[in-house]
Amino acid sequence: VAILADRVPFLARGLLPLGNLASAIPVVGIAPIMVMWFGFDWQS
C-alpha cells in the first residue's frame, strides 16, 4: 500500500491520518472483535 500511495499521492494524504488513528486503538479493544469475526483459531 505504501508503494501504491507513493505512486498516487492523494492516497498518502488520506491514509496517514487513518494510520495515526489506528495506532491509538488499544489492542484489547480490537482483539475481542477479531475473535468474534474470525473465530478462535489462528485467523483472529
PDB file of all heavy atoms in Angstrom:
ATOM      1  N   VAL A   1       0.835  -1.197   0.000  1.00  0.00           N
ATOM      2  CA  VAL A   1       0.000   0.000   0.000  1.00  0.00           C
ATOM      3  C   VAL A   1       0.876   1.256   0.000  1.00  0.00           C
ATOM      4  O   VAL A   1       0.515   2.276  -0.594  1.00  0.00           O
ATOM      5  CB  VAL A   1      -0.959  -0.016   1.206  1.00  0.00           C
ATOM      6  CG1 VAL A   1      -1.729   1.294   1.321  1.00  0.00           C
ATOM      7  CG2 VAL A   1      -1.934  -1.176   1.083  1.00  0.00           C
ATOM      8  N   ALA A   2       2.043   1.194   0.642  1.00  0.00           N
ATOM      9  CA  ALA A   2       2.950   2.341   0.619  1.00  0.00           C
ATOM     10  C   ALA A   2       3.446   2.622  -0.790  1.00  0.00           C
ATOM     11  O   ALA A   2       3.557   3.792  -1.201  1.00  0.00           O
ATOM     12  CB  ALA A   2       4.129   2.085   1.555  1.00  0.00           C
ATOM     13  N   ILE A   3       3.759   1.572  -1.564  1.00  0.00           N
ATOM     14  CA  ILE A   3       4.169   1.772  -2.954  1.00  0.00           C
ATOM     15  C   ILE A   3       3.031   2.398  -3.753  1.00  0.00           C
ATOM     16  O   ILE A   3       3.241   3.330  -4.559  1.00  0.00           O
ATOM     17  CB  ILE A   3       4.601   0.432  -3.580  1.00  0.00           C
ATOM     18  CG1 ILE A   3       5.813  -0.139  -2.833  1.00  0.00           C
ATOM     19  CG2 ILE A   3       4.920   0.605  -5.063  1.00  0.00           C
ATOM     20  CD1 ILE A   3       7.050   0.696  -2.906  1.00  0.00           C
ATOM     21  N   LEU A   4       1.804   1.897  -3.523  1.00  0.00           N
ATOM     22  CA  LEU A   4       0.651   2.458  -4.217  1.00  0.00           C
ATOM     23  C   LEU A   4       0.410   3.906  -3.818  1.00  0.00           C
ATOM     24  O   LEU A   4       0.133   4.760  -4.672  1.00  0.00           O
ATOM     25  CB  LEU A   4      -0.580   1.603  -3.919  1.00  0.00           C
ATOM     26  CG  LEU A   4      -1.896   2.047  -4.570  1.00  0.00           C
ATOM     27  CD1 LEU A   4      -1.787   2.005  -6.089  1.00  0.00           C
ATOM     28  CD2 LEU A   4      -3.051   1.174  -4.085  1.00  0.00           C
ATOM     29  N   ALA A   5       0.542   4.201  -2.516  1.00  0.00           N
ATOM     30  CA  ALA A   5       0.324   5.578  -2.055  1.00  0.00           C
ATOM     31  C   ALA A   5       1.425   6.507  -2.561  1.00  0.00           C
ATOM     32  O   ALA A   5       1.173   7.692  -2.816  1.00  0.00           O
ATOM     33  CB  ALA A   5       0.274   5.606  -0.526  1.00  0.00           C
ATOM     34  N   ASP A   6       2.628   5.981  -2.732  1.00  0.00           N
ATOM     35  CA  ASP A   6       3.698   6.813  -3.283  1.00  0.00           C
ATOM     36  C   ASP A   6       3.424   7.124  -4.755  1.00  0.00           C
ATOM     37  O   ASP A   6       3.750   8.208  -5.238  1.00  0.00           O
ATOM     38  CB  ASP A   6       5.028   6.080  -3.139  1.00  0.00           C
ATOM     39  CG  ASP A   6       6.198   6.876  -3.695  1.00  0.00           C
ATOM     40  OD1 ASP A   6       6.586   7.864  -3.045  1.00  0.00           O
ATOM     41  OD2 ASP A   6       6.702   6.506  -4.774  1.00  0.00           O
ATOM     42  N   ARG A   7       2.824   6.162  -5.446  1.00  0.00           N
ATOM     43  CA  ARG A   7       2.505   6.380  -6.861  1.00  0.00           C
ATOM     44  C   ARG A   7       1.299   7.291  -7.010  1.00  0.00           C
ATOM     45  O   ARG A   7       1.214   8.082  -7.966  1.00  0.00           O
ATOM     46  CB  ARG A   7       2.230   5.029  -7.526  1.00  0.00           C
ATOM     47  CG  ARG A   7       1.985   5.088  -9.023  1.00  0.00           C
ATOM     48  CD  ARG A   7       3.181   5.619  -9.746  1.00  0.00           C
ATOM     49  NE  ARG A   7       3.007   5.508 -11.201  1.00  0.00           N
ATOM     50  CZ  ARG A   7       3.682   6.231 -12.074  1.00  0.00           C
ATOM     51  NH1 ARG A   7       4.576   7.122 -11.648  1.00  0.00           N
ATOM     52  NH2 ARG A   7       3.497   6.072 -13.380  1.00  0.00           N
ATOM     53  N   VAL A   8       0.345   7.202  -6.084  1.00  0.00           N
ATOM     54  CA  VAL A   8      -0.870   8.023  -6.124  1.00  0.00           C
ATOM     55  C   VAL A   8      -0.858   8.890  -4.863  1.00  0.00           C
ATOM     56  O   VAL A   8      -1.338   8.459  -3.802  1.00  0.00           O
ATOM     57  CB  VAL A   8      -2.137   7.143  -6.180  1.00  0.00           C
ATOM     58  CG1 VAL A   8      -3.381   8.002  -6.351  1.00  0.00           C
ATOM     59  CG2 VAL A   8      -2.028   6.105  -7.295  1.00  0.00           C
ATOM     60  N   PRO A   9      -0.312  10.097  -4.909  1.00  0.00           N
ATOM     61  CA  PRO A   9      -0.046  10.875  -3.682  1.00  0.00           C
ATOM     62  C   PRO A   9      -1.261  11.144  -2.814  1.00  0.00           C
ATOM     63  O   PRO A   9      -1.140  11.234  -1.593  1.00  0.00           O
ATOM     64  CB  PRO A   9       0.549  12.188  -4.232  1.00  0.00           C
ATOM     65  CG  PRO A   9       1.132  11.806  -5.560  1.00  0.00           C
ATOM     66  CD  PRO A   9       0.210  10.759  -6.099  1.00  0.00           C
ATOM     67  N   PHE A  10      -2.456  11.292  -3.412  1.00  0.00           N
ATOM     68  CA  PHE A  10      -3.606  11.635  -2.570  1.00  0.00           C
ATOM     69  C   PHE A  10      -3.935  10.491  -1.607  1.00  0.00           C
ATOM     70  O   PHE A  10      -4.540  10.714  -0.552  1.00  0.00           O
ATOM     71  CB  PHE A  10      -4.811  12.011  -3.424  1.00  0.00           C
ATOM     72  CG  PHE A  10      -5.552  10.843  -4.007  1.00  0.00           C
ATOM     73  CD1 PHE A  10      -6.551  10.200  -3.292  1.00  0.00           C
ATOM     74  CD2 PHE A  10      -5.252  10.381  -5.285  1.00  0.00           C
ATOM     75  CE1 PHE A  10      -7.236   9.136  -3.832  1.00  0.00           C
ATOM     76  CE2 PHE A  10      -5.935   9.311  -5.826  1.00  0.00           C
ATOM     77  CZ  PHE A  10      -6.927   8.683  -5.100  1.00  0.00           C
ATOM     78  N   LEU A  11      -3.542   9.245  -1.942  1.00  0.00           N
ATOM     79  CA  LEU A  11      -3.759   8.135  -1.021  1.00  0.00           C
ATOM     80  C   LEU A  11      -2.925   8.304   0.248  1.00  0.00           C
ATOM     81  O   LEU A  11      -3.389   7.991   1.340  1.00  0.00           O
ATOM     82  CB  LEU A  11      -3.406   6.815  -1.706  1.00  0.00           C
ATOM     83  CG  LEU A  11      -4.410   6.274  -2.734  1.00  0.00           C
ATOM     84  CD1 LEU A  11      -3.885   4.981  -3.338  1.00  0.00           C
ATOM     85  CD2 LEU A  11      -5.768   6.055  -2.093  1.00  0.00           C
ATOM     86  N   ALA A  12      -1.707   8.793   0.093  1.00  0.00           N
ATOM     87  CA  ALA A  12      -0.849   9.009   1.263  1.00  0.00           C
ATOM     88  C   ALA A  12      -1.459  10.055   2.184  1.00  0.00           C
ATOM     89  O   ALA A  12      -1.475   9.894   3.411  1.00  0.00           O
ATOM     90  CB  ALA A  12       0.544   9.425   0.821  1.00  0.00           C
ATOM     91  N   ARG A  13      -1.970  11.134   1.603  1.00  0.00           N
ATOM     92  CA  ARG A  13      -2.579  12.177   2.436  1.00  0.00           C
ATOM     93  C   ARG A  13      -3.823  11.669   3.150  1.00  0.00           C
ATOM     94  O   ARG A  13      -4.166  12.151   4.227  1.00  0.00           O
ATOM     95  CB  ARG A  13      -2.907  13.398   1.566  1.00  0.00           C
ATOM     96  CG  ARG A  13      -1.677  14.122   1.056  1.00  0.00           C
ATOM     97  CD  ARG A  13      -2.055  15.467   0.472  1.00  0.00           C
ATOM     98  NE  ARG A  13      -2.839  15.313  -0.753  1.00  0.00           N
ATOM     99  CZ  ARG A  13      -2.320  15.251  -1.975  1.00  0.00           C
ATOM    100  NH1 ARG A  13      -0.995  15.296  -2.132  1.00  0.00           N
ATOM    101  NH2 ARG A  13      -3.089  15.135  -3.029  1.00  0.00           N
ATOM    102  N   GLY A  14      -4.494  10.692   2.571  1.00  0.00           N
ATOM    103  CA  GLY A  14      -5.681  10.157   3.225  1.00  0.00           C
ATOM    104  C   GLY A  14      -5.380   9.029   4.197  1.00  0.00           C
ATOM    105  O   GLY A  14      -6.094   8.860   5.190  1.00  0.00           O
ATOM    106  N   LEU A  15      -4.321   8.244   3.930  1.00  0.00           N
ATOM    107  CA  LEU A  15      -4.034   7.083   4.770  1.00  0.00           C
ATOM    108  C   LEU A  15      -3.267   7.436   6.038  1.00  0.00           C
ATOM    109  O   LEU A  15      -3.434   6.772   7.062  1.00  0.00           O
ATOM    110  CB  LEU A  15      -3.234   6.048   3.965  1.00  0.00           C
ATOM    111  CG  LEU A  15      -4.024   5.256   2.917  1.00  0.00           C
ATOM    112  CD1 LEU A  15      -3.091   4.398   2.095  1.00  0.00           C
ATOM    113  CD2 LEU A  15      -5.085   4.402   3.575  1.00  0.00           C
ATOM    114  N   LEU A  16      -2.405   8.449   5.989  1.00  0.00           N
ATOM    115  CA  LEU A  16      -1.597   8.761   7.174  1.00  0.00           C
ATOM    116  C   LEU A  16      -2.453   9.170   8.371  1.00  0.00           C
ATOM    117  O   LEU A  16      -2.180   8.718   9.500  1.00  0.00           O
ATOM    118  CB  LEU A  16      -0.572   9.845   6.830  1.00  0.00           C
ATOM    119  CG  LEU A  16       0.576   9.388   5.923  1.00  0.00           C
ATOM    120  CD1 LEU A  16       1.543  10.536   5.646  1.00  0.00           C
ATOM    121  CD2 LEU A  16       1.318   8.213   6.542  1.00  0.00           C
ATOM    122  N   PRO A  17      -3.482  10.012   8.217  1.00  0.00           N
ATOM    123  CA  PRO A  17      -4.349  10.279   9.387  1.00  0.00           C
ATOM    124  C   PRO A  17      -5.028   9.025   9.908  1.00  0.00           C
ATOM    125  O   PRO A  17      -5.191   8.849  11.119  1.00  0.00           O
ATOM    126  CB  PRO A  17      -5.370  11.287   8.849  1.00  0.00           C
ATOM    127  CG  PRO A  17      -4.682  11.937   7.703  1.00  0.00           C
ATOM    128  CD  PRO A  17      -3.851  10.865   7.077  1.00  0.00           C
ATOM    129  N   LEU A  18      -5.435   8.117   8.988  1.00  0.00           N
ATOM    130  CA  LEU A  18      -6.037   6.863   9.432  1.00  0.00           C
ATOM    131  C   LEU A  18      -5.016   6.009  10.184  1.00  0.00           C
ATOM    132  O   LEU A  18      -5.363   5.299  11.139  1.00  0.00           O
ATOM    133  CB  LEU A  18      -6.577   6.087   8.232  1.00  0.00           C
ATOM    134  CG  LEU A  18      -7.785   6.706   7.514  1.00  0.00           C
ATOM    135  CD1 LEU A  18      -8.177   5.856   6.310  1.00  0.00           C
ATOM    136  CD2 LEU A  18      -8.957   6.847   8.465  1.00  0.00           C
ATOM    137  N   GLY A  19      -3.748   6.070   9.732  1.00  0.00           N
ATOM    138  CA  GLY A  19      -2.710   5.332  10.438  1.00  0.00           C
ATOM    139  C   GLY A  19      -2.528   5.822  11.857  1.00  0.00           C
ATOM    140  O   GLY A  19      -2.384   5.027  12.797  1.00  0.00           O
ATOM    141  N   ASN A  20      -2.530   7.140  12.045  1.00  0.00           N
ATOM    142  CA  ASN A  20      -2.425   7.684  13.401  1.00  0.00           C
ATOM    143  C   ASN A  20      -3.621   7.284  14.254  1.00  0.00           C
ATOM    144  O   ASN A  20      -3.489   6.991  15.448  1.00  0.00           O
ATOM    145  CB  ASN A  20      -2.320   9.209  13.338  1.00  0.00           C
ATOM    146  CG  ASN A  20      -1.041   9.670  12.670  1.00  0.00           C
ATOM    147  OD1 ASN A  20      -0.020   8.988  12.747  1.00  0.00           O
ATOM    148  ND2 ASN A  20      -1.089  10.807  11.990  1.00  0.00           N
ATOM    149  N   LEU A  21      -4.801   7.251  13.639  1.00  0.00           N
ATOM    150  CA  LEU A  21      -5.999   6.853  14.373  1.00  0.00           C
ATOM    151  C   LEU A  21      -5.923   5.385  14.771  1.00  0.00           C
ATOM    152  O   LEU A  21      -6.235   5.011  15.912  1.00  0.00           O
ATOM    153  CB  LEU A  21      -7.244   7.109  13.518  1.00  0.00           C
ATOM    154  CG  LEU A  21      -8.593   6.694  14.129  1.00  0.00           C
ATOM    155  CD1 LEU A  21      -8.875   7.511  15.378  1.00  0.00           C
ATOM    156  CD2 LEU A  21      -9.711   6.873  13.099  1.00  0.00           C
ATOM    157  N   ALA A  22      -5.496   4.523  13.845  1.00  0.00           N
ATOM    158  CA  ALA A  22      -5.412   3.092  14.143  1.00  0.00           C
ATOM    159  C   ALA A  22      -4.361   2.803  15.199  1.00  0.00           C
ATOM    160  O   ALA A  22      -4.519   1.885  16.007  1.00  0.00           O
ATOM    161  CB  ALA A  22      -5.111   2.314  12.865  1.00  0.00           C
ATOM    162  N   SER A  23      -3.285   3.569  15.202  1.00  0.00           N
ATOM    163  CA  SER A  23      -2.232   3.341  16.193  1.00  0.00           C
ATOM    164  C   SER A  23      -2.706   3.665  17.601  1.00  0.00           C
ATOM    165  O   SER A  23      -2.133   3.163  18.576  1.00  0.00           O
ATOM    166  CB  SER A  23      -0.999   4.188  15.849  1.00  0.00           C
ATOM    167  OG  SER A  23      -0.495   3.841  14.579  1.00  0.00           O
ATOM    168  N   ALA A  24      -3.720   4.504  17.714  1.00  0.00           N
ATOM    169  CA  ALA A  24      -4.222   4.880  19.042  1.00  0.00           C
ATOM    170  C   ALA A  24      -5.243   3.893  19.585  1.00  0.00           C
ATOM    171  O   ALA A  24      -5.629   3.995  20.756  1.00  0.00           O
ATOM    172  CB  ALA A  24      -4.849   6.272  18.987  1.00  0.00           C
ATOM    173  N   ILE A  25      -5.687   2.942  18.763  1.00  0.00           N
ATOM    174  CA  ILE A  25      -6.677   1.963  19.229  1.00  0.00           C
ATOM    175  C   ILE A  25      -5.975   0.906  20.062  1.00  0.00           C
ATOM    176  O   ILE A  25      -5.019   0.278  19.594  1.00  0.00           O
ATOM    177  CB  ILE A  25      -7.387   1.295  18.035  1.00  0.00           C
ATOM    178  CG1 ILE A  25      -8.125   2.353  17.211  1.00  0.00           C
ATOM    179  CG2 ILE A  25      -8.366   0.235  18.527  1.00  0.00           C
ATOM    180  CD1 ILE A  25      -8.778   1.796  15.963  1.00  0.00           C
ATOM    181  N   PRO A  26      -6.381   0.671  21.297  1.00  0.00           N
ATOM    182  CA  PRO A  26      -5.716  -0.355  22.121  1.00  0.00           C
ATOM    183  C   PRO A  26      -6.000  -1.745  21.597  1.00  0.00           C
ATOM    184  O   PRO A  26      -7.091  -2.042  21.093  1.00  0.00           O
ATOM    185  CB  PRO A  26      -6.320  -0.131  23.514  1.00  0.00           C
ATOM    186  CG  PRO A  26      -7.644   0.504  23.254  1.00  0.00           C
ATOM    187  CD  PRO A  26      -7.471   1.342  22.014  1.00  0.00           C
ATOM    188  N   VAL A  27      -4.990  -2.618  21.727  1.00  0.00           N
ATOM    189  CA  VAL A  27      -5.149  -3.978  21.218  1.00  0.00           C
ATOM    190  C   VAL A  27      -6.239  -4.730  21.962  1.00  0.00           C
ATOM    191  O   VAL A  27      -6.914  -5.592  21.393  1.00  0.00           O
ATOM    192  CB  VAL A  27      -3.796  -4.718  21.302  1.00  0.00           C
ATOM    193  CG1 VAL A  27      -3.320  -4.840  22.735  1.00  0.00           C
ATOM    194  CG2 VAL A  27      -3.887  -6.091  20.656  1.00  0.00           C
ATOM    195  N   VAL A  28      -6.445  -4.400  23.242  1.00  0.00           N
ATOM    196  CA  VAL A  28      -7.510  -5.074  23.991  1.00  0.00           C
ATOM    197  C   VAL A  28      -8.887  -4.675  23.495  1.00  0.00           C
ATOM    198  O   VAL A  28      -9.889  -5.324  23.823  1.00  0.00           O
ATOM    199  CB  VAL A  28      -7.392  -4.767  25.499  1.00  0.00           C
ATOM    200  CG1 VAL A  28      -6.120  -5.365  26.073  1.00  0.00           C
ATOM    201  CG2 VAL A  28      -7.440  -3.267  25.755  1.00  0.00           C
ATOM    202  N   GLY A  29      -8.963  -3.593  22.689  1.00  0.00           N
ATOM    203  CA  GLY A  29     -10.243  -3.198  22.130  1.00  0.00           C
ATOM    204  C   GLY A  29     -10.569  -3.928  20.839  1.00  0.00           C
ATOM    205  O   GLY A  29     -11.728  -4.266  20.581  1.00  0.00           O
ATOM    206  N   ILE A  30      -9.543  -4.191  20.015  1.00  0.00           N
ATOM    207  CA  ILE A  30      -9.805  -4.840  18.732  1.00  0.00           C
ATOM    208  C   ILE A  30      -9.712  -6.360  18.821  1.00  0.00           C
ATOM    209  O   ILE A  30     -10.289  -7.061  17.986  1.00  0.00           O
ATOM    210  CB  ILE A  30      -8.828  -4.323  17.654  1.00  0.00           C
ATOM    211  CG1 ILE A  30      -7.380  -4.630  18.038  1.00  0.00           C
ATOM    212  CG2 ILE A  30      -9.020  -2.840  17.433  1.00  0.00           C
ATOM    213  CD1 ILE A  30      -6.393  -4.291  16.949  1.00  0.00           C
ATOM    214  N   ALA A  31      -9.003  -6.885  19.826  1.00  0.00           N
ATOM    215  CA  ALA A  31      -8.818  -8.336  19.909  1.00  0.00           C
ATOM    216  C   ALA A  31     -10.138  -9.090  20.045  1.00  0.00           C
ATOM    217  O   ALA A  31     -10.384 -10.052  19.301  1.00  0.00           O
ATOM    218  CB  ALA A  31      -7.871  -8.681  21.056  1.00  0.00           C
ATOM    219  N   PRO A  32     -11.038  -8.708  20.976  1.00  0.00           N
ATOM    220  CA  PRO A  32     -12.303  -9.461  21.061  1.00  0.00           C
ATOM    221  C   PRO A  32     -13.163  -9.340  19.812  1.00  0.00           C
ATOM    222  O   PRO A  32     -13.885 -10.277  19.454  1.00  0.00           O
ATOM    223  CB  PRO A  32     -12.996  -8.857  22.285  1.00  0.00           C
ATOM    224  CG  PRO A  32     -12.356  -7.534  22.483  1.00  0.00           C
ATOM    225  CD  PRO A  32     -10.953  -7.676  22.015  1.00  0.00           C
ATOM    226  N   ILE A  33     -13.058  -8.198  19.124  1.00  0.00           N
ATOM    227  CA  ILE A  33     -13.828  -8.039  17.884  1.00  0.00           C
ATOM    228  C   ILE A  33     -13.307  -8.999  16.818  1.00  0.00           C
ATOM    229  O   ILE A  33     -14.091  -9.652  16.104  1.00  0.00           O
ATOM    230  CB  ILE A  33     -13.748  -6.579  17.398  1.00  0.00           C
ATOM    231  CG1 ILE A  33     -14.390  -5.650  18.427  1.00  0.00           C
ATOM    232  CG2 ILE A  33     -14.408  -6.418  16.043  1.00  0.00           C
ATOM    233  CD1 ILE A  33     -14.246  -4.186  18.108  1.00  0.00           C
ATOM    234  N   MET A  34     -11.988  -9.096  16.701  1.00  0.00           N
ATOM    235  CA  MET A  34     -11.409 -10.002  15.713  1.00  0.00           C
ATOM    236  C   MET A  34     -11.721 -11.461  16.037  1.00  0.00           C
ATOM    237  O   MET A  34     -11.901 -12.282  15.132  1.00  0.00           O
ATOM    238  CB  MET A  34      -9.894  -9.785  15.638  1.00  0.00           C
ATOM    239  CG  MET A  34      -9.492  -8.423  15.114  1.00  0.00           C
ATOM    240  SD  MET A  34     -10.151  -8.123  13.451  1.00  0.00           S
ATOM    241  CE  MET A  34      -9.703  -6.405  13.213  1.00  0.00           C
ATOM    242  N   VAL A  35     -11.789 -11.791  17.320  1.00  0.00           N
ATOM    243  CA  VAL A  35     -12.138 -13.161  17.698  1.00  0.00           C
ATOM    244  C   VAL A  35     -13.572 -13.474  17.281  1.00  0.00           C
ATOM    245  O   VAL A  35     -13.867 -14.581  16.798  1.00  0.00           O
ATOM    246  CB  VAL A  35     -11.945 -13.359  19.214  1.00  0.00           C
ATOM    247  CG1 VAL A  35     -12.533 -14.687  19.667  1.00  0.00           C
ATOM    248  CG2 VAL A  35     -10.461 -13.305  19.567  1.00  0.00           C
ATOM    249  N   MET A  36     -14.468 -12.510  17.430  1.00  0.00           N
ATOM    250  CA  MET A  36     -15.854 -12.725  17.006  1.00  0.00           C
ATOM    251  C   MET A  36     -15.961 -12.814  15.490  1.00  0.00           C
ATOM    252  O   MET A  36     -16.788 -13.543  14.951  1.00  0.00           O
ATOM    253  CB  MET A  36     -16.747 -11.606  17.553  1.00  0.00           C
ATOM    254  CG  MET A  36     -16.979 -11.678  19.061  1.00  0.00           C
ATOM    255  SD  MET A  36     -18.214 -10.499  19.627  1.00  0.00           S
ATOM    256  CE  MET A  36     -17.356  -8.947  19.354  1.00  0.00           C
ATOM    257  N   TRP A  37     -15.140 -12.053  14.782  1.00  0.00           N
ATOM    258  CA  TRP A  37     -15.201 -12.050  13.324  1.00  0.00           C
ATOM    259  C   TRP A  37     -14.587 -13.309  12.706  1.00  0.00           C
ATOM    260  O   TRP A  37     -15.140 -13.877  11.773  1.00  0.00           O
ATOM    261  CB  TRP A  37     -14.486 -10.818  12.771  1.00  0.00           C
ATOM    262  CG  TRP A  37     -15.267  -9.543  12.910  1.00  0.00           C
ATOM    263  CD1 TRP A  37     -16.489  -9.381  13.493  1.00  0.00           C
ATOM    264  CD2 TRP A  37     -14.854  -8.257  12.459  1.00  0.00           C
ATOM    265  NE1 TRP A  37     -16.872  -8.065  13.458  1.00  0.00           N
ATOM    266  CE2 TRP A  37     -15.889  -7.338  12.816  1.00  0.00           C
ATOM    267  CE3 TRP A  37     -13.733  -7.756  11.816  1.00  0.00           C
ATOM    268  CZ2 TRP A  37     -15.814  -5.991  12.526  1.00  0.00           C
ATOM    269  CZ3 TRP A  37     -13.657  -6.401  11.520  1.00  0.00           C
ATOM    270  CH2 TRP A  37     -14.695  -5.529  11.875  1.00  0.00           C
ATOM    271  N   PHE A  38     -13.426 -13.709  13.210  1.00  0.00           N
ATOM    272  CA  PHE A  38     -12.639 -14.747  12.546  1.00  0.00           C
ATOM    273  C   PHE A  38     -12.554 -16.055  13.335  1.00  0.00           C
ATOM    274  O   PHE A  38     -11.890 -16.984  12.877  1.00  0.00           O
ATOM    275  CB  PHE A  38     -11.221 -14.234  12.264  1.00  0.00           C
ATOM    276  CG  PHE A  38     -11.176 -13.054  11.334  1.00  0.00           C
ATOM    277  CD1 PHE A  38     -11.037 -11.764  11.836  1.00  0.00           C
ATOM    278  CD2 PHE A  38     -11.286 -13.232   9.969  1.00  0.00           C
ATOM    279  CE1 PHE A  38     -10.992 -10.673  10.983  1.00  0.00           C
ATOM    280  CE2 PHE A  38     -11.250 -12.139   9.109  1.00  0.00           C
ATOM    281  CZ  PHE A  38     -11.111 -10.855   9.610  1.00  0.00           C
ATOM    282  N   GLY A  39     -13.157 -16.138  14.489  1.00  0.00           N
ATOM    283  CA  GLY A  39     -13.145 -17.385  15.238  1.00  0.00           C
ATOM    284  C   GLY A  39     -11.995 -17.464  16.227  1.00  0.00           C
ATOM    285  O   GLY A  39     -11.226 -16.518  16.402  1.00  0.00           O
ATOM    286  N   PHE A  40     -11.868 -18.631  16.865  1.00  0.00           N
ATOM    287  CA  PHE A  40     -10.916 -18.798  17.955  1.00  0.00           C
ATOM    288  C   PHE A  40      -9.557 -19.313  17.506  1.00  0.00           C
ATOM    289  O   PHE A  40      -8.638 -19.397  18.327  1.00  0.00           O
ATOM    290  CB  PHE A  40     -11.488 -19.767  19.005  1.00  0.00           C
ATOM    291  CG  PHE A  40     -12.668 -19.219  19.744  1.00  0.00           C
ATOM    292  CD1 PHE A  40     -13.962 -19.530  19.340  1.00  0.00           C
ATOM    293  CD2 PHE A  40     -12.501 -18.382  20.829  1.00  0.00           C
ATOM    294  CE1 PHE A  40     -15.054 -19.013  20.014  1.00  0.00           C
ATOM    295  CE2 PHE A  40     -13.590 -17.870  21.513  1.00  0.00           C
ATOM    296  CZ  PHE A  40     -14.875 -18.183  21.098  1.00  0.00           C
ATOM    297  N   ASP A  41      -9.413 -19.680  16.240  1.00  0.00           N
ATOM    298  CA  ASP A  41      -8.141 -20.239  15.803  1.00  0.00           C
ATOM    299  C   ASP A  41      -7.175 -19.113  15.422  1.00  0.00           C
ATOM    300  O   ASP A  41      -7.405 -17.943  15.734  1.00  0.00           O
ATOM    301  CB  ASP A  41      -8.367 -21.196  14.638  1.00  0.00           C
ATOM    302  CG  ASP A  41      -7.313 -22.290  14.583  1.00  0.00           C
ATOM    303  OD1 ASP A  41      -6.285 -22.146  15.276  1.00  0.00           O
ATOM    304  OD2 ASP A  41      -7.506 -23.280  13.863  1.00  0.00           O
ATOM    305  N   TRP A  42      -6.110 -19.466  14.696  1.00  0.00           N
ATOM    306  CA  TRP A  42      -5.031 -18.517  14.420  1.00  0.00           C
ATOM    307  C   TRP A  42      -5.474 -17.338  13.566  1.00  0.00           C
ATOM    308  O   TRP A  42      -4.823 -16.279  13.574  1.00  0.00           O
ATOM    309  CB  TRP A  42      -3.881 -19.234  13.727  1.00  0.00           C
ATOM    310  CG  TRP A  42      -4.209 -19.759  12.354  1.00  0.00           C
ATOM    311  CD1 TRP A  42      -4.668 -20.998  12.034  1.00  0.00           C
ATOM    312  CD2 TRP A  42      -4.106 -19.038  11.124  1.00  0.00           C
ATOM    313  NE1 TRP A  42      -4.871 -21.103  10.680  1.00  0.00           N
ATOM    314  CE2 TRP A  42      -4.524 -19.912  10.084  1.00  0.00           C
ATOM    315  CE3 TRP A  42      -3.716 -17.746  10.783  1.00  0.00           C
ATOM    316  CZ2 TRP A  42      -4.555 -19.536   8.756  1.00  0.00           C
ATOM    317  CZ3 TRP A  42      -3.735 -17.364   9.444  1.00  0.00           C
ATOM    318  CH2 TRP A  42      -4.151 -18.252   8.446  1.00  0.00           C
ATOM    319  N   GLN A  43      -6.593 -17.479  12.815  1.00  0.00           N
ATOM    320  CA  GLN A  43      -7.004 -16.404  11.916  1.00  0.00           C
ATOM    321  C   GLN A  43      -7.299 -15.103  12.664  1.00  0.00           C
ATOM    322  O   GLN A  43      -6.944 -14.015  12.192  1.00  0.00           O
ATOM    323  CB  GLN A  43      -8.237 -16.833  11.108  1.00  0.00           C
ATOM    324  CG  GLN A  43      -7.979 -17.931  10.103  1.00  0.00           C
ATOM    325  CD  GLN A  43      -8.099 -19.326  10.690  1.00  0.00           C
ATOM    326  OE1 GLN A  43      -8.191 -19.476  11.914  1.00  0.00           O
ATOM    327  NE2 GLN A  43      -8.118 -20.332   9.839  1.00  0.00           N
ATOM    328  N   SER A  44      -7.942 -15.206  13.830  1.00  0.00           N
ATOM    329  CA  SER A  44      -8.259 -13.991  14.583  1.00  0.00           C
ATOM    330  C   SER A  44      -6.984 -13.342  15.133  1.00  0.00           C
ATOM    331  O   SER A  44      -6.873 -12.120  15.172  1.00  0.00           O
ATOM    332  CB  SER A  44      -9.226 -14.324  15.716  1.00  0.00           C
ATOM    333  OG  SER A  44      -8.696 -15.315  16.581  1.00  0.00           O
TER     334      SER A  44
END
